[in-house]
C-alpha atoms as a PDB file:
ATOM      1  CA  MET A   1       0.256   0.340   0.298  1.00  0.00           C
ATOM      2  CA  LEU A   2       1.064   2.983  -0.802  1.00  0.00           C
ATOM      3  CA  LYS A   3       0.943   6.355   1.135  1.00  0.00           C
ATOM      4  CA  SER A   4       0.389   9.985   0.770  1.00  0.00           C
ATOM      5  CA  PHE A   5       0.989  12.996   3.058  1.00  0.00           C
ATOM      6  CA  ASN A   6      -0.217  16.720   2.197  1.00  0.00           C
ATOM      7  CA  TYR A   7       1.976  19.220   4.258  1.00  0.00           C
ATOM      8  CA  ARG A   8      -0.332  22.931   4.029  1.00  0.00           C
ATOM      9  CA  LEU A   9       2.894  25.601   3.364  1.00  0.00           C
ATOM     10  CA  HIS A  10       2.448  29.132   5.065  1.00  0.00           C
ATOM     11  CA  PRO A  11       5.143  31.418   3.329  1.00  0.00           C
ATOM     12  CA  THR A  12       6.691  33.853   5.473  1.00  0.00           C
ATOM     13  CA  LYS A  13       5.206  37.490   3.770  1.00  0.00           C
ATOM     14  CA  ARG A  14       9.466  37.879   2.687  1.00  0.00           C
ATOM     15  CA  GLN A  15       8.912  34.777   0.493  1.00  0.00           C
ATOM     16  CA  GLN A  16       5.678  35.561  -0.192  1.00  0.00           C
ATOM     17  CA  ARG A  17       6.674  39.123  -1.944  1.00  0.00           C
ATOM     18  CA  LEU A  18      10.027  36.901  -3.015  1.00  0.00           C
ATOM     19  CA  LEU A  19       7.035  34.040  -5.104  1.00  0.00           C
ATOM     20  CA  SER A  20       5.386  36.992  -6.375  1.00  0.00           C
ATOM     21  CA  GLU A  21       8.119  39.081  -7.916  1.00  0.00           C
ATOM     22  CA  GLN A  22       9.220  35.485  -9.882  1.00  0.00           C
ATOM     23  CA  LEU A  23       5.574  34.655 -10.510  1.00  0.00           C
ATOM     24  CA  GLU A  24       6.012  38.118 -12.388  1.00  0.00           C
ATOM     25  CA  GLU A  25       8.792  37.422 -14.413  1.00  0.00           C
ATOM     26  CA  LEU A  26       7.402  34.350 -15.908  1.00  0.00           C
ATOM     27  CA  ARG A  27       4.780  36.605 -16.856  1.00  0.00           C
ATOM     28  CA  TRP A  28       6.247  39.089 -18.502  1.00  0.00           C
ATOM     29  CA  LEU A  29       8.512  36.052 -20.051  1.00  0.00           C
ATOM     30  CA  TRP A  30       5.531  34.002 -21.184  1.00  0.00           C
ATOM     31  CA  ASN A  31       3.414  36.805 -22.885  1.00  0.00           C
ATOM     32  CA  THR A  32       6.881  38.124 -24.831  1.00  0.00           C
ATOM     33  CA  LEU A  33       8.003  34.859 -26.387  1.00  0.00           C
ATOM     34  CA  LEU A  34       4.464  34.248 -27.008  1.00  0.00           C
ATOM     35  CA  THR A  35       3.741  37.995 -28.619  1.00  0.00           C
ATOM     36  CA  GLU A  36       7.748  36.914 -30.819  1.00  0.00           C
ATOM     37  CA  ARG A  37       6.517  33.912 -32.543  1.00  0.00           C
ATOM     38  CA  LYS A  38       2.654  35.267 -33.019  1.00  0.00           C
ATOM     39  CA  GLN A  39       5.455  38.659 -34.747  1.00  0.00           C
ATOM     40  CA  ALA A  40       6.891  36.866 -36.505  1.00  0.00           C
ATOM     41  CA  TRP A  41       4.483  34.207 -38.248  1.00  0.00           C
ATOM     42  CA  GLU A  42       1.689  37.295 -38.447  1.00  0.00           C
ATOM     43  CA  GLU A  43       4.770  40.035 -40.044  1.00  0.00           C
ATOM     44  CA  ARG A  44       7.364  37.164 -41.322  1.00  0.00           C
ATOM     45  CA  GLN A  45       4.890  33.804 -42.049  1.00  0.00           C
ATOM     46  CA  GLU A  46       8.116  32.025 -40.581  1.00  0.00           C
ATOM     47  CA  THR A  47       8.048  30.068 -37.126  1.00  0.00           C
ATOM     48  CA  VAL A  48       9.937  30.643 -34.436  1.00  0.00           C
ATOM     49  CA  ASP A  49      11.365  27.568 -33.107  1.00  0.00           C
ATOM     50  CA  TYR A  50      11.719  26.977 -29.006  1.00  0.00           C
ATOM     51  CA  TYR A  51      15.579  26.520 -29.542  1.00  0.00           C
ATOM     52  CA  GLU A  52      16.293  29.153 -30.739  1.00  0.00           C
ATOM     53  CA  GLN A  53      13.809  30.564 -27.871  1.00  0.00           C
ATOM     54  CA  LYS A  54      15.348  29.123 -25.351  1.00  0.00           C
ATOM     55  CA  ALA A  55      19.225  30.673 -26.947  1.00  0.00           C
ATOM     56  CA  GLU A  56      17.821  34.139 -26.114  1.00  0.00           C
ATOM     57  CA  LEU A  57      16.856  33.605 -22.635  1.00  0.00           C
ATOM     58  CA  PRO A  58      20.591  34.628 -21.337  1.00  0.00           C
ATOM     59  CA  ALA A  59      20.746  37.728 -22.593  1.00  0.00           C
ATOM     60  CA  LEU A  60      16.960  38.184 -22.451  1.00  0.00           C
ATOM     61  CA  LYS A  61      18.345  37.621 -18.185  1.00  0.00           C
ATOM     62  CA  ALA A  62      21.369  39.319 -18.899  1.00  0.00           C
ATOM     63  CA  ASP A  63      20.279  43.029 -20.950  1.00  0.00           C
ATOM     64  CA  VAL A  64      15.800  43.023 -21.039  1.00  0.00           C
ATOM     65  CA  ARG A  65      15.110  41.713 -17.799  1.00  0.00           C
ATOM     66  CA  PRO A  66      17.654  41.414 -15.181  1.00  0.00           C
ATOM     67  CA  GLY A  67      14.671  40.063 -12.356  1.00  0.00           C
ATOM     68  CA  LEU A  68      14.225  36.650 -14.453  1.00  0.00           C
ATOM     69  CA  ARG A  69      18.163  36.460 -12.807  1.00  0.00           C
ATOM     70  CA  GLN A  70      16.376  35.442  -9.929  1.00  0.00           C
ATOM     71  CA  VAL A  71      14.209  32.440 -10.985  1.00  0.00           C
ATOM     72  CA  HIS A  72      16.044  29.184 -11.524  1.00  0.00           C
ATOM     73  CA  SER A  73      17.227  28.633 -14.835  1.00  0.00           C
ATOM     74  CA  GLN A  74      14.802  25.721 -15.089  1.00  0.00           C
ATOM     75  CA  VAL A  75      13.280  27.697 -14.261  1.00  0.00           C
ATOM     76  CA  VAL A  76      12.701  29.997 -16.786  1.00  0.00           C
ATOM     77  CA  GLN A  77      13.562  27.381 -19.445  1.00  0.00           C
ATOM     78  CA  ASP A  78      10.617  25.525 -18.542  1.00  0.00           C
ATOM     79  CA  VAL A  79       8.458  28.837 -19.741  1.00  0.00           C
ATOM     80  CA  ALA A  80       9.729  28.654 -23.447  1.00  0.00           C
ATOM     81  CA  LEU A  81       9.624  24.357 -23.771  1.00  0.00           C
ATOM     82  CA  ARG A  82       5.184  24.894 -22.368  1.00  0.00           C
ATOM     83  CA  VAL A  83       5.019  27.881 -24.681  1.00  0.00           C
ATOM     84  CA  LYS A  84       6.061  25.781 -27.644  1.00  0.00           C
ATOM     85  CA  LYS A  85       3.935  22.787 -26.353  1.00  0.00           C
ATOM     86  CA  ALA A  86       0.478  25.119 -26.852  1.00  0.00           C
ATOM     87  CA  MET A  87       1.693  26.284 -29.197  1.00  0.00           C
ATOM     88  CA  ASP A  88       2.131  22.845 -31.234  1.00  0.00           C
ATOM     89  CA  ALA A  89      -1.448  22.413 -28.971  1.00  0.00           C
ATOM     90  CA  PHE A  90      -3.365  25.653 -30.978  1.00  0.00           C
ATOM     91  CA  PHE A  91      -1.978  23.802 -34.333  1.00  0.00           C
ATOM     92  CA  ARG A  92      -3.672  20.835 -34.232  1.00  0.00           C
ATOM     93  CA  ARG A  93      -6.018  21.904 -32.490  1.00  0.00           C
ATOM     94  CA  LEU A  94      -6.734  24.828 -35.908  1.00  0.00           C
ATOM     95  CA  LYS A  95      -6.239  21.328 -38.216  1.00  0.00           C
ATOM     96  CA  ALA A  96      -9.047  19.280 -36.449  1.00  0.00           C
ATOM     97  CA  GLY A  97     -11.821  22.586 -37.525  1.00  0.00           C
ATOM     98  CA  GLU A  98     -11.812  23.887 -33.757  1.00  0.00           C
ATOM     99  CA  THR A  99     -11.418  27.713 -32.883  1.00  0.00           C
ATOM    100  CA  PRO A 100      -8.245  27.176 -30.465  1.00  0.00           C
ATOM    101  CA  ALA A 101      -6.815  30.008 -28.338  1.00  0.00           C
ATOM    102  CA  ILE A 102      -3.896  31.388 -26.198  1.00  0.00           C
ATOM    103  CA  ARG A 103      -3.946  33.757 -23.527  1.00  0.00           C
ATOM    104  CA  ALA A 104      -1.070  35.950 -22.739  1.00  0.00           C
ATOM    105  CA  PHE A 105      -1.840  36.479 -19.289  1.00  0.00           C
ATOM    106  CA  ALA A 106      -2.671  39.417 -17.034  1.00  0.00           C
ATOM    107  CA  ALA A 107       0.070  40.684 -14.138  1.00  0.00           C
ATOM    108  CA  ARG A 108      -2.197  39.989 -10.819  1.00  0.00           C
ATOM    109  CA  GLY A 109      -5.339  42.135 -10.138  1.00  0.00           C
ATOM    110  CA  ALA A 110      -5.545  43.482 -13.619  1.00  0.00           C
ATOM    111  CA  THR A 111      -8.028  42.996 -16.235  1.00  0.00           C
ATOM    112  CA  THR A 112      -7.943  41.565 -19.368  1.00  0.00           C
ATOM    113  CA  HIS A 113     -10.018  42.838 -22.535  1.00  0.00           C
END
C-alpha cells in the first residue's frame, strides 16, 4: 500500500513577496515569447523554434529583464517549453477544425479585454 502525505505551507511575508516577484517575471517571459512567435508569423510567415527562444534566454536575463536572474534557469527554460507545447496544441486544434486560443497572462489584479 502506498501512503501519501499532504502538507500545508505557510510562507512568510518575505517569501510571499519573492514568489510574487518570480511569478511576475515568468508572466512577462510567457507573454514576450508568445508575442515573438505571433509577430514572426504575422509579419514574415515564419515560425520561431523552441531552441531559438531557449538560446535567447541568457540575453534576456542579462540585458532586458535582470529580474529573471532571480528565477532558477530550469524554471525559465520550462516557460519556453510550455509556450512551445501551447503553440503545438493550438495548431493541432486548428487542424482539427476547432477555434483554439492561447492566452496571454495579465498581472495579478489587472483585467484583460
